[in-house]
Amino acid sequence: MLAVSVAMILVALIGCSTAQTFPAQRVSYSPGVNPAWYVNGYVESNATFNFEQSVQGNGYFMTYLYAKSGNVAVKNYAHGSGSINNEAVLTYYDMDKKTHNVYSDYNDLKSNCIQFKETNSMVYAPMKIAVGTGYYAANPVDYSSLLKERTWVKNYRAGTNMLHEVEYAHALDKDLNIVAKENFNITYDPEIIGFSSTKMNVNEDMTDGKAHIGVLQASTNFANDANAINEEDSIGGSNTKNLKSALKNPAIEIDEDYWGTYHIEKNMTLEVPYHLIQKKDDWLPCCSGGFADMNYEDKKPFKSATGIFDCTCFKAATQAQFPRVYTKP
């Protein structure tokens, strides 16, 4: 006989809000450019999602979880027959804020975070399950599926991919903790702050199965890429092809396989910070390159005293450039 214990699943969706402060003038841009740019306006949108799960029982199970916030994503998939005791929490956060004041520096802030925590205990056993009231009630379905669970986390801004997978296992006790986040804060033009962090912690006991651990870090990251702040141009979208370079010339590559019965502990954290501060030049900054990069043809119309528009650093003259000429009456 099949004994099924009580299963409880609690899902909570908390907070989906958008705040806008006007007056704001919307500016039209060509296709492919984020249209949510405002002059003299403030726009903020954010979404949060909390998922809590508790499941205990015997039978056949299959679970699928996927979440993507900006340039970070998490996926978890599991199936098998036998008994399961699972506790899981998923936390999702996505925030986009733009402050475009006409008399001060524009500021754009993008912040995304996903956290997934799981405690999972599974034991394989062949199961026969009667389904419905017809043929399969009298002829139970035979499930004989060894245990499998596959989890990966990707941080496209950092160019990071972490993977953990267990297959063909007869028993699995696992604690898993994943955190992926990215922030990009740009103030036009003095400062850019980019930060990405990816963490995967695994503590498990596997019986008669196969475990795989993989880490791939691209040699090029996008912590300083302003285009990644736009959904249309996000690295997780149209620019994903840029990450193919990680397979050809990775900065970090880890590939591990374990067959049999093992106790495995892995604590992996990878952070990619970026900080740029650039000084804003005053009006007519010839000596620091303000006009030095002008084309020669563009400089021609500017005719004035030496050191003003010709980009030669001004030095105090020892005598007047155009001395006064006195003539006798």
C-alpha atoms as a PDB file:
ATOM      1  CA  MET A   1       0.000   0.000   0.000  1.00  0.00           C
ATOM      2  CA  LEU A   2       1.054   3.560  -0.631  1.00  0.00           C
ATOM      3  CA  ALA A   3       1.297   5.792   2.390  1.00  0.00           C
ATOM      4  CA  VAL A   4       1.229   9.474   1.718  1.00  0.00           C
ATOM      5  CA  SER A   5       1.803  11.978   4.490  1.00  0.00           C
ATOM      6  CA  VAL A   6       0.406  15.469   4.571  1.00  0.00           C
ATOM      7  CA  ALA A   7       2.035  17.893   2.149  1.00  0.00           C
ATOM      8  CA  MET A   8       1.867  21.609   2.673  1.00  0.00           C
ATOM      9  CA  ILE A   9       2.878  24.237   0.152  1.00  0.00           C
ATOM     10  CA  LEU A  10       2.768  27.917   0.955  1.00  0.00           C
ATOM     11  CA  VAL A  11       3.330  30.487  -1.749  1.00  0.00           C
ATOM     12  CA  ALA A  12       3.383  34.206  -0.956  1.00  0.00           C
ATOM     13  CA  LEU A  13       3.573  36.963  -3.542  1.00  0.00           C
ATOM     14  CA  ILE A  14       4.506  40.160  -1.764  1.00  0.00           C
ATOM     15  CA  GLY A  15       4.860  43.595  -3.279  1.00  0.00           C
ATOM     16  CA  CYS A  16       4.635  44.573  -6.913  1.00  0.00           C
ATOM     17  CA  SER A  17       4.701  48.362  -7.146  1.00  0.00           C
ATOM     18  CA  THR A  18       5.506  51.186  -9.499  1.00  0.00           C
ATOM     19  CA  ALA A  19       6.071  54.795  -8.422  1.00  0.00           C
ATOM     20  CA  GLN A  20       6.330  57.760 -10.774  1.00  0.00           C
ATOM     21  CA  THR A  21       6.845  61.428 -10.024  1.00  0.00           C
ATOM     22  CA  PHE A  22       6.221  64.035 -12.704  1.00  0.00           C
ATOM     23  CA  PRO A  23       6.347  66.497 -14.492  1.00  0.00           C
ATOM     24  CA  ALA A  24       8.474  64.494 -16.879  1.00  0.00           C
ATOM     25  CA  GLN A  25       9.053  64.808 -20.567  1.00  0.00           C
ATOM     26  CA  ARG A  26       9.481  61.551 -22.456  1.00  0.00           C
ATOM     27  CA  VAL A  27      12.081  61.531 -25.182  1.00  0.00           C
ATOM     28  CA  SER A  28      11.755  59.433 -28.341  1.00  0.00           C
ATOM     29  CA  TYR A  29      14.658  57.182 -29.307  1.00  0.00           C
ATOM     30  CA  SER A  30      15.386  54.849 -32.183  1.00  0.00           C
ATOM     31  CA  PRO A  31      14.269  51.183 -31.996  1.00  0.00           C
ATOM     32  CA  GLY A  32      16.346  49.021 -29.663  1.00  0.00           C
ATOM     33  CA  VAL A  33      16.988  51.821 -27.164  1.00  0.00           C
ATOM     34  CA  ASN A  34      15.209  51.790 -23.829  1.00  0.00           C
ATOM     35  CA  PRO A  35      12.362  54.358 -24.114  1.00  0.00           C
ATOM     36  CA  ALA A  36      12.042  54.829 -20.345  1.00  0.00           C
ATOM     37  CA  TRP A  37      14.276  57.902 -20.303  1.00  0.00           C
ATOM     38  CA  TYR A  38      12.834  61.047 -18.854  1.00  0.00           C
ATOM     39  CA  VAL A  39      13.926  64.658 -18.646  1.00  0.00           C
ATOM     40  CA  ASN A  40      13.214  66.338 -15.302  1.00  0.00           C
ATOM     41  CA  GLY A  41      11.427  63.289 -13.873  1.00  0.00           C
ATOM     42  CA  TYR A  42      11.637  60.369 -11.442  1.00  0.00           C
ATOM     43  CA  VAL A  43      10.592  56.779 -12.179  1.00  0.00           C
ATOM     44  CA  GLU A  44      10.803  53.743  -9.891  1.00  0.00           C
ATOM     45  CA  SER A  45       9.530  50.189 -10.333  1.00  0.00           C
ATOM     46  CA  ASN A  46      10.150  47.172  -8.125  1.00  0.00           C
ATOM     47  CA  ALA A  47       8.907  43.618  -7.644  1.00  0.00           C
ATOM     48  CA  THR A  48       9.407  41.171  -4.767  1.00  0.00           C
ATOM     49  CA  PHE A  49       8.383  37.513  -4.596  1.00  0.00           C
ATOM     50  CA  ASN A  50       8.624  35.105  -1.656  1.00  0.00           C
ATOM     51  CA  PHE A  51       8.053  31.350  -2.021  1.00  0.00           C
ATOM     52  CA  GLU A  52       8.076  28.935   0.927  1.00  0.00           C
ATOM     53  CA  GLN A  53       7.572  25.194   0.561  1.00  0.00           C
ATOM     54  CA  SER A  54       7.280  22.176   2.847  1.00  0.00           C
ATOM     55  CA  VAL A  55       6.606  18.735   1.308  1.00  0.00           C
ATOM     56  CA  GLN A  56       6.693  15.258   2.872  1.00  0.00           C
ATOM     57  CA  GLY A  57       5.437  12.075   1.239  1.00  0.00           C
ATOM     58  CA  ASN A  58       5.936   8.832  -0.653  1.00  0.00           C
ATOM     59  CA  GLY A  59       5.329   8.220  -4.354  1.00  0.00           C
ATOM     60  CA  TYR A  60       6.652   9.848  -7.514  1.00  0.00           C
ATOM     61  CA  PHE A  61       7.663  13.505  -7.618  1.00  0.00           C
ATOM     62  CA  MET A  62       8.893  16.010 -10.193  1.00  0.00           C
ATOM     63  CA  THR A  63       9.668  19.657  -9.410  1.00  0.00           C
ATOM     64  CA  TYR A  64      10.762  22.598 -11.561  1.00  0.00           C
ATOM     65  CA  LEU A  65      11.751  26.105 -10.429  1.00  0.00           C
ATOM     66  CA  TYR A  66      13.111  28.951 -12.547  1.00  0.00           C
ATOM     67  CA  ALA A  67      13.612  32.622 -11.644  1.00  0.00           C
ATOM     68  CA  LYS A  68      15.317  35.454 -13.538  1.00  0.00           C
ATOM     69  CA  SER A  69      15.804  38.981 -12.230  1.00  0.00           C
ATOM     70  CA  GLY A  70      17.674  41.302 -14.560  1.00  0.00           C
ATOM     71  CA  ASN A  71      20.981  39.606 -15.319  1.00  0.00           C
ATOM     72  CA  VAL A  72      20.828  36.888 -12.634  1.00  0.00           C
ATOM     73  CA  ALA A  73      18.969  33.573 -12.955  1.00  0.00           C
ATOM     74  CA  VAL A  74      18.430  30.361 -10.926  1.00  0.00           C
ATOM     75  CA  LYS A  75      17.005  27.003 -12.007  1.00  0.00           C
ATOM     76  CA  ASN A  76      16.240  23.879  -9.945  1.00  0.00           C
ATOM     77  CA  TYR A  77      14.864  20.582 -11.275  1.00  0.00           C
ATOM     78  CA  ALA A  78      14.321  17.252  -9.473  1.00  0.00           C
ATOM     79  CA  HIS A  79      12.492  13.937  -9.947  1.00  0.00           C
ATOM     80  CA  GLY A  80      12.405  10.432  -8.545  1.00  0.00           C
ATOM     81  CA  SER A  81      10.292   7.772  -6.861  1.00  0.00           C
ATOM     82  CA  GLY A  82      10.308   6.923  -3.161  1.00  0.00           C
ATOM     83  CA  SER A  83      10.139   9.223  -0.147  1.00  0.00           C
ATOM     84  CA  ILE A  84      10.852  12.937   0.068  1.00  0.00           C
ATOM     85  CA  ASN A  85      11.132  15.489   2.865  1.00  0.00           C
ATOM     86  CA  ASN A  86      11.714  18.942   1.432  1.00  0.00           C
ATOM     87  CA  GLU A  87      11.896  22.481   2.833  1.00  0.00           C
ATOM     88  CA  ALA A  88      12.630  25.321   0.378  1.00  0.00           C
ATOM     89  CA  VAL A  89      12.560  29.132   0.276  1.00  0.00           C
ATOM     90  CA  LEU A  90      12.884  31.362  -2.785  1.00  0.00           C
ATOM     91  CA  THR A  91      13.295  35.149  -2.483  1.00  0.00           C
ATOM     92  CA  TYR A  92      13.170  37.372  -5.571  1.00  0.00           C
ATOM     93  CA  TYR A  93      13.836  41.124  -5.859  1.00  0.00           C
ATOM     94  CA  ASP A  94      13.934  43.391  -8.937  1.00  0.00           C
ATOM     95  CA  MET A  95      14.243  47.199  -8.702  1.00  0.00           C
ATOM     96  CA  ASP A  96      14.786  49.899 -11.335  1.00  0.00           C
ATOM     97  CA  LYS A  97      15.057  53.592 -10.427  1.00  0.00           C
ATOM     98  CA  LYS A  98      15.749  56.628 -12.641  1.00  0.00           C
ATOM     99  CA  THR A  99      16.232  60.209 -11.437  1.00  0.00           C
ATOM    100  CA  HIS A 100      16.635  62.683 -14.303  1.00  0.00           C
ATOM    101  CA  ASN A 101      16.659  66.211 -12.945  1.00  0.00           C
ATOM    102  CA  VAL A 102      17.278  68.834 -15.553  1.00  0.00           C
ATOM    103  CA  TYR A 103      19.653  70.911 -13.389  1.00  0.00           C
ATOM    104  CA  SER A 104      21.685  68.081 -11.831  1.00  0.00           C
ATOM    105  CA  ASP A 105      23.442  64.889 -12.874  1.00  0.00           C
ATOM    106  CA  TYR A 106      21.168  62.086 -14.058  1.00  0.00           C
ATOM    107  CA  ASN A 107      21.192  58.904 -11.961  1.00  0.00           C
ATOM    108  CA  ASP A 108      20.101  55.367 -12.922  1.00  0.00           C
ATOM    109  CA  LEU A 109      20.059  52.508 -10.414  1.00  0.00           C
ATOM    110  CA  LYS A 110      19.368  48.855 -11.200  1.00  0.00           C
ATOM    111  CA  SER A 111      19.350  46.245  -8.414  1.00  0.00           C
ATOM    112  CA  ASN A 112      18.466  42.533  -8.705  1.00  0.00           C
ATOM    113  CA  CYS A 113      18.778  39.630  -6.277  1.00  0.00           C
ATOM    114  CA  ILE A 114      17.669  35.968  -6.099  1.00  0.00           C
ATOM    115  CA  GLN A 115      18.193  33.669  -3.107  1.00  0.00           C
ATOM    116  CA  PHE A 116      17.265  29.974  -3.032  1.00  0.00           C
ATOM    117  CA  LYS A 117      17.672  27.822   0.085  1.00  0.00           C
ATOM    118  CA  GLU A 118      16.744  24.151   0.280  1.00  0.00           C
ATOM    119  CA  THR A 119      16.974  21.222   2.671  1.00  0.00           C
ATOM    120  CA  ASN A 120      16.115  18.007   0.843  1.00  0.00           C
ATOM    121  CA  SER A 121      16.089  14.358   1.992  1.00  0.00           C
ATOM    122  CA  MET A 122      15.159  11.709  -0.611  1.00  0.00           C
ATOM    123  CA  VAL A 123      15.259   7.899  -0.562  1.00  0.00           C
ATOM    124  CA  TYR A 124      14.652   5.882  -3.723  1.00  0.00           C
ATOM    125  CA  ALA A 125      12.084   3.068  -3.836  1.00  0.00           C
ATOM    126  CA  PRO A 126      10.014   1.490  -6.650  1.00  0.00           C
ATOM    127  CA  MET A 127       6.415   2.659  -6.330  1.00  0.00           C
ATOM    128  CA  LYS A 128       3.057   1.489  -7.676  1.00  0.00           C
ATOM    129  CA  ILE A 129       0.431   4.215  -7.736  1.00  0.00           C
ATOM    130  CA  ALA A 130      -3.268   3.750  -8.535  1.00  0.00           C
ATOM    131  CA  VAL A 131      -4.542   6.671 -10.600  1.00  0.00           C
ATOM    132  CA  GLY A 132      -8.195   7.703 -10.978  1.00  0.00           C
ATOM    133  CA  THR A 133     -11.116   5.268 -10.954  1.00  0.00           C
ATOM    134  CA  GLY A 134     -10.705   3.547 -14.323  1.00  0.00           C
ATOM    135  CA  TYR A 135      -8.147   1.148 -15.731  1.00  0.00           C
ATOM    136  CA  TYR A 136      -5.210   2.503 -13.747  1.00  0.00           C
ATOM    137  CA  ALA A 137      -7.119   2.177 -10.493  1.00  0.00           C
ATOM    138  CA  ALA A 138      -7.154  -1.587 -11.012  1.00  0.00           C
ATOM    139  CA  ASN A 139      -3.745  -1.616 -12.708  1.00  0.00           C
ATOM    140  CA  PRO A 140      -1.452   0.745 -10.735  1.00  0.00           C
ATOM    141  CA  VAL A 141       1.260   2.632 -12.578  1.00  0.00           C
ATOM    142  CA  ASP A 142       4.773   1.362 -11.827  1.00  0.00           C
ATOM    143  CA  TYR A 143       7.318   4.097 -11.091  1.00  0.00           C
ATOM    144  CA  SER A 144      10.956   3.069 -10.725  1.00  0.00           C
ATOM    145  CA  SER A 145      12.921   6.296 -11.090  1.00  0.00           C
ATOM    146  CA  LEU A 146      16.289   6.822  -9.435  1.00  0.00           C
ATOM    147  CA  LEU A 147      16.797  10.209  -7.813  1.00  0.00           C
ATOM    148  CA  LYS A 148      17.972  13.268  -9.738  1.00  0.00           C
ATOM    149  CA  GLU A 149      18.361  16.948  -8.842  1.00  0.00           C
ATOM    150  CA  ARG A 150      20.026  19.620 -10.986  1.00  0.00           C
ATOM    151  CA  THR A 151      20.619  23.209  -9.846  1.00  0.00           C
ATOM    152  CA  TRP A 152      22.416  26.055 -11.593  1.00  0.00           C
ATOM    153  CA  VAL A 153      22.907  29.766 -11.019  1.00  0.00           C
ATOM    154  CA  LYS A 154      24.012  32.264 -13.675  1.00  0.00           C
ATOM    155  CA  ASN A 155      25.152  35.837 -13.284  1.00  0.00           C
ATOM    156  CA  TYR A 156      25.361  37.321 -16.767  1.00  0.00           C
ATOM    157  CA  ARG A 157      26.799  40.659 -15.635  1.00  0.00           C
ATOM    158  CA  ALA A 158      29.696  38.891 -13.894  1.00  0.00           C
ATOM    159  CA  GLY A 159      30.009  36.191 -16.573  1.00  0.00           C
ATOM    160  CA  THR A 160      29.592  33.459 -13.906  1.00  0.00           C
ATOM    161  CA  ASN A 161      27.968  30.014 -14.136  1.00  0.00           C
ATOM    162  CA  MET A 162      27.784  27.517 -11.236  1.00  0.00           C
ATOM    163  CA  LEU A 163      26.224  24.040 -11.529  1.00  0.00           C
ATOM    164  CA  HIS A 164      25.474  21.189  -9.118  1.00  0.00           C
ATOM    165  CA  GLU A 165      23.830  17.943 -10.213  1.00  0.00           C
ATOM    166  CA  VAL A 166      23.062  14.539  -8.671  1.00  0.00           C
ATOM    167  CA  GLU A 167      21.889  11.611 -10.854  1.00  0.00           C
ATOM    168  CA  TYR A 168      21.005   7.919 -10.431  1.00  0.00           C
ATOM    169  CA  ALA A 169      21.164   8.213  -6.641  1.00  0.00           C
ATOM    170  CA  HIS A 170      19.537   5.785  -4.212  1.00  0.00           C
ATOM    171  CA  ALA A 171      19.523   8.322  -1.365  1.00  0.00           C
ATOM    172  CA  LEU A 172      20.341  12.008  -1.000  1.00  0.00           C
ATOM    173  CA  ASP A 173      20.488  14.340   1.990  1.00  0.00           C
ATOM    174  CA  LYS A 174      21.351  17.874   0.937  1.00  0.00           C
ATOM    175  CA  ASP A 175      21.531  21.443   2.203  1.00  0.00           C
ATOM    176  CA  LEU A 176      21.790  24.039  -0.570  1.00  0.00           C
ATOM    177  CA  ASN A 177      22.142  27.831  -0.432  1.00  0.00           C
ATOM    178  CA  ILE A 178      22.346  30.043  -3.543  1.00  0.00           C
ATOM    179  CA  VAL A 179      22.594  33.846  -3.715  1.00  0.00           C
ATOM    180  CA  ALA A 180      22.969  35.798  -6.960  1.00  0.00           C
ATOM    181  CA  LYS A 181      22.827  39.592  -7.124  1.00  0.00           C
ATOM    182  CA  GLU A 182      23.840  42.522  -9.294  1.00  0.00           C
ATOM    183  CA  ASN A 183      23.842  46.292  -8.889  1.00  0.00           C
ATOM    184  CA  PHE A 184      24.592  48.998 -11.390  1.00  0.00           C
ATOM    185  CA  ASN A 185      24.534  52.642 -10.321  1.00  0.00           C
ATOM    186  CA  ILE A 186      25.501  55.313 -12.841  1.00  0.00           C
ATOM    187  CA  THR A 187      25.533  59.057 -12.236  1.00  0.00           C
ATOM    188  CA  TYR A 188      26.104  60.938 -15.475  1.00  0.00           C
ATOM    189  CA  ASP A 189      29.008  61.573 -15.857  1.00  0.00           C
ATOM    190  CA  PRO A 190      31.109  61.579 -12.702  1.00  0.00           C
ATOM    191  CA  GLU A 191      30.642  58.026 -11.324  1.00  0.00           C
ATOM    192  CA  ILE A 192      29.843  54.402 -12.240  1.00  0.00           C
ATOM    193  CA  ILE A 193      29.483  51.666  -9.613  1.00  0.00           C
ATOM    194  CA  GLY A 194      28.951  48.091 -10.767  1.00  0.00           C
ATOM    195  CA  PHE A 195      28.857  45.000  -8.556  1.00  0.00           C
ATOM    196  CA  SER A 196      27.960  41.347  -9.082  1.00  0.00           C
ATOM    197  CA  SER A 197      28.119  38.471  -6.618  1.00  0.00           C
ATOM    198  CA  THR A 198      27.389  34.755  -7.050  1.00  0.00           C
ATOM    199  CA  LYS A 199      27.404  32.179  -4.230  1.00  0.00           C
ATOM    200  CA  MET A 200      26.649  28.455  -4.067  1.00  0.00           C
ATOM    201  CA  ASN A 201      27.047  26.419  -0.856  1.00  0.00           C
ATOM    202  CA  VAL A 202      26.428  22.640  -0.949  1.00  0.00           C
ATOM    203  CA  ASN A 203      26.558  20.155   1.941  1.00  0.00           C
ATOM    204  CA  GLU A 204      25.306  16.682   1.021  1.00  0.00           C
ATOM    205  CA  ASP A 205      25.471  12.921   1.533  1.00  0.00           C
ATOM    206  CA  MET A 206      24.886  10.880  -1.614  1.00  0.00           C
ATOM    207  CA  THR A 207      24.386   7.089  -1.738  1.00  0.00           C
ATOM    208  CA  ASP A 208      25.130   5.063  -4.883  1.00  0.00           C
ATOM    209  CA  GLY A 209      24.866   7.880  -7.392  1.00  0.00           C
ATOM    210  CA  LYS A 210      26.753  10.423  -9.490  1.00  0.00           C
ATOM    211  CA  ALA A 211      27.495  14.013  -8.402  1.00  0.00           C
ATOM    212  CA  HIS A 212      28.760  16.763 -10.691  1.00  0.00           C
ATOM    213  CA  ILE A 213      30.159  20.183  -9.743  1.00  0.00           C
ATOM    214  CA  GLY A 214      30.956  22.797 -12.370  1.00  0.00           C
ATOM    215  CA  VAL A 215      32.092  26.436 -12.336  1.00  0.00           C
ATOM    216  CA  LEU A 216      32.795  28.633 -15.342  1.00  0.00           C
ATOM    217  CA  GLN A 217      33.958  32.254 -15.156  1.00  0.00           C
ATOM    218  CA  ALA A 218      34.345  34.326 -18.312  1.00  0.00           C
ATOM    219  CA  SER A 219      37.573  36.219 -18.841  1.00  0.00           C
ATOM    220  CA  THR A 220      35.443  39.270 -19.708  1.00  0.00           C
ATOM    221  CA  ASN A 221      32.735  40.592 -17.381  1.00  0.00           C
ATOM    222  CA  PHE A 222      30.179  43.363 -17.787  1.00  0.00           C
ATOM    223  CA  ALA A 223      30.310  45.055 -14.388  1.00  0.00           C
ATOM    224  CA  ASN A 224      31.029  48.373 -16.143  1.00  0.00           C
ATOM    225  CA  ASP A 225      28.526  47.951 -18.999  1.00  0.00           C
ATOM    226  CA  ALA A 226      25.856  50.647 -18.888  1.00  0.00           C
ATOM    227  CA  ASN A 227      23.832  48.855 -21.587  1.00  0.00           C
ATOM    228  CA  ALA A 228      23.148  46.035 -19.148  1.00  0.00           C
ATOM    229  CA  ILE A 229      20.902  48.368 -17.169  1.00  0.00           C
ATOM    230  CA  ASN A 230      18.338  48.281 -19.987  1.00  0.00           C
ATOM    231  CA  GLU A 231      16.048  45.290 -20.329  1.00  0.00           C
ATOM    232  CA  GLU A 232      16.165  45.493 -24.124  1.00  0.00           C
ATOM    233  CA  ASP A 233      19.956  45.362 -24.088  1.00  0.00           C
ATOM    234  CA  SER A 234      20.396  43.153 -21.038  1.00  0.00           C
ATOM    235  CA  ILE A 235      23.268  40.717 -21.051  1.00  0.00           C
ATOM    236  CA  GLY A 236      20.810  37.984 -20.222  1.00  0.00           C
ATOM    237  CA  GLY A 237      18.913  38.823 -23.389  1.00  0.00           C
ATOM    238  CA  SER A 238      20.267  40.012 -26.717  1.00  0.00           C
ATOM    239  CA  ASN A 239      23.881  40.140 -25.524  1.00  0.00           C
ATOM    240  CA  THR A 240      24.065  36.579 -24.153  1.00  0.00           C
ATOM    241  CA  LYS A 241      26.200  35.638 -27.168  1.00  0.00           C
ATOM    242  CA  ASN A 242      29.024  37.654 -25.633  1.00  0.00           C
ATOM    243  CA  LEU A 243      29.418  34.999 -22.944  1.00  0.00           C
ATOM    244  CA  LYS A 244      30.463  32.332 -25.475  1.00  0.00           C
ATOM    245  CA  SER A 245      34.021  33.547 -24.968  1.00  0.00           C
ATOM    246  CA  ALA A 246      33.975  31.875 -21.535  1.00  0.00           C
ATOM    247  CA  LEU A 247      34.063  28.445 -23.180  1.00  0.00           C
ATOM    248  CA  LYS A 248      37.088  29.333 -25.321  1.00  0.00           C
ATOM    249  CA  ASN A 249      39.228  31.197 -22.817  1.00  0.00           C
ATOM    250  CA  PRO A 250      37.724  31.039 -19.302  1.00  0.00           C
ATOM    251  CA  ALA A 251      39.243  32.814 -16.336  1.00  0.00           C
ATOM    252  CA  ILE A 252      38.084  29.982 -14.015  1.00  0.00           C
ATOM    253  CA  GLU A 253      36.950  26.474 -14.960  1.00  0.00           C
ATOM    254  CA  ILE A 254      36.037  23.658 -12.524  1.00  0.00           C
ATOM    255  CA  ASP A 255      34.688  20.265 -13.654  1.00  0.00           C
ATOM    256  CA  GLU A 256      34.256  17.488 -11.052  1.00  0.00           C
ATOM    257  CA  ASP A 257      32.420  14.127 -11.140  1.00  0.00           C
ATOM    258  CA  TYR A 258      31.961  11.672  -8.259  1.00  0.00           C
ATOM    259  CA  TRP A 259      30.485   8.154  -8.715  1.00  0.00           C
ATOM    260  CA  GLY A 260      29.462   6.101  -5.686  1.00  0.00           C
ATOM    261  CA  THR A 261      28.766   7.111  -2.096  1.00  0.00           C
ATOM    262  CA  TYR A 262      30.180  10.473  -0.956  1.00  0.00           C
ATOM    263  CA  HIS A 263      29.948  13.276   1.555  1.00  0.00           C
ATOM    264  CA  ILE A 264      30.461  16.545  -0.360  1.00  0.00           C
ATOM    265  CA  GLU A 265      30.891  20.104   0.891  1.00  0.00           C
ATOM    266  CA  LYS A 266      31.380  23.022  -1.510  1.00  0.00           C
ATOM    267  CA  ASN A 267      31.448  26.726  -0.639  1.00  0.00           C
ATOM    268  CA  MET A 268      31.906  28.901  -3.711  1.00  0.00           C
ATOM    269  CA  THR A 269      31.691  32.705  -3.903  1.00  0.00           C
ATOM    270  CA  LEU A 270      32.683  34.931  -6.808  1.00  0.00           C
ATOM    271  CA  GLU A 271      32.445  38.740  -6.729  1.00  0.00           C
ATOM    272  CA  VAL A 272      33.043  41.224  -9.541  1.00  0.00           C
ATOM    273  CA  PRO A 273      33.186  44.884  -8.389  1.00  0.00           C
ATOM    274  CA  TYR A 274      33.728  47.938 -10.572  1.00  0.00           C
ATOM    275  CA  HIS A 275      34.083  51.601  -9.578  1.00  0.00           C
ATOM    276  CA  LEU A 276      34.854  54.524 -11.871  1.00  0.00           C
ATOM    277  CA  ILE A 277      35.085  58.175 -10.857  1.00  0.00           C
ATOM    278  CA  GLN A 278      35.835  60.693 -13.570  1.00  0.00           C
ATOM    279  CA  LYS A 279      36.395  64.376 -13.019  1.00  0.00           C
ATOM    280  CA  LYS A 280      34.081  66.743 -14.836  1.00  0.00           C
ATOM    281  CA  ASP A 281      35.931  69.514 -16.626  1.00  0.00           C
ATOM    282  CA  ASP A 282      34.939  73.132 -16.378  1.00  0.00           C
ATOM    283  CA  TRP A 283      33.961  75.176 -19.403  1.00  0.00           C
ATOM    284  CA  LEU A 284      36.673  75.400 -22.106  1.00  0.00           C
ATOM    285  CA  PRO A 285      38.925  72.708 -20.579  1.00  0.00           C
ATOM    286  CA  CYS A 286      41.627  72.919 -23.272  1.00  0.00           C
ATOM    287  CA  CYS A 287      44.511  71.651 -21.194  1.00  0.00           C
ATOM    288  CA  SER A 288      42.711  68.479 -20.028  1.00  0.00           C
ATOM    289  CA  GLY A 289      41.554  67.414 -23.455  1.00  0.00           C
ATOM    290  CA  GLY A 290      38.179  69.095 -23.741  1.00  0.00           C
ATOM    291  CA  PHE A 291      38.950  70.472 -27.207  1.00  0.00           C
ATOM    292  CA  ALA A 292      42.105  68.477 -27.895  1.00  0.00           C
ATOM    293  CA  ASP A 293      40.158  65.665 -29.562  1.00  0.00           C
ATOM    294  CA  MET A 294      38.409  67.981 -32.028  1.00  0.00           C
ATOM    295  CA  ASN A 295      38.991  67.388 -35.709  1.00  0.00           C
ATOM    296  CA  TYR A 296      41.202  69.925 -37.418  1.00  0.00           C
ATOM    297  CA  GLU A 297      38.356  71.024 -39.683  1.00  0.00           C
ATOM    298  CA  ASP A 298      36.194  71.652 -36.627  1.00  0.00           C
ATOM    299  CA  LYS A 299      38.846  73.864 -35.077  1.00  0.00           C
ATOM    300  CA  LYS A 300      39.104  76.173 -38.062  1.00  0.00           C
ATOM    301  CA  PRO A 301      36.034  78.313 -37.230  1.00  0.00           C
ATOM    302  CA  PHE A 302      37.486  79.091 -33.814  1.00  0.00           C
ATOM    303  CA  LYS A 303      39.846  82.021 -34.223  1.00  0.00           C
ATOM    304  CA  SER A 304      40.796  83.901 -31.111  1.00  0.00           C
ATOM    305  CA  ALA A 305      43.669  84.680 -28.821  1.00  0.00           C
ATOM    306  CA  THR A 306      46.232  81.957 -28.268  1.00  0.00           C
ATOM    307  CA  GLY A 307      45.263  79.358 -25.640  1.00  0.00           C
ATOM    308  CA  ILE A 308      41.480  79.730 -25.838  1.00  0.00           C
ATOM    309  CA  PHE A 309      40.104  77.653 -28.725  1.00  0.00           C
ATOM    310  CA  ASP A 310      43.322  76.322 -30.248  1.00  0.00           C
ATOM    311  CA  CYS A 311      43.949  73.895 -27.327  1.00  0.00           C
ATOM    312  CA  THR A 312      47.382  75.109 -26.426  1.00  0.00           C
ATOM    313  CA  CYS A 313      47.681  75.411 -22.685  1.00  0.00           C
ATOM    314  CA  PHE A 314      47.508  79.061 -21.788  1.00  0.00           C
ATOM    315  CA  LYS A 315      50.558  80.750 -20.372  1.00  0.00           C
ATOM    316  CA  ALA A 316      50.711  84.318 -19.225  1.00  0.00           C
ATOM    317  CA  ALA A 317      52.258  86.404 -21.949  1.00  0.00           C
ATOM    318  CA  THR A 318      55.373  88.429 -21.230  1.00  0.00           C
ATOM    319  CA  GLN A 319      54.144  91.068 -23.615  1.00  0.00           C
ATOM    320  CA  ALA A 320      50.882  91.927 -25.299  1.00  0.00           C
ATOM    321  CA  GLN A 321      50.092  89.842 -28.339  1.00  0.00           C
ATOM    322  CA  PHE A 322      48.586  92.832 -30.099  1.00  0.00           C
ATOM    323  CA  PRO A 323      50.538  95.824 -28.694  1.00  0.00           C
ATOM    324  CA  ARG A 324      49.041  99.234 -29.095  1.00  0.00           C
ATOM    325  CA  VAL A 325      50.714 101.282 -31.769  1.00  0.00           C
ATOM    326  CA  TYR A 326      50.998 104.980 -31.096  1.00  0.00           C
ATOM    327  CA  THR A 327      51.220 107.381 -33.992  1.00  0.00           C
ATOM    328  CA  LYS A 328      52.073 111.039 -33.876  1.00  0.00           C
ATOM    329  CA  PRO A 329      49.345 113.419 -34.867  1.00  0.00           C
END
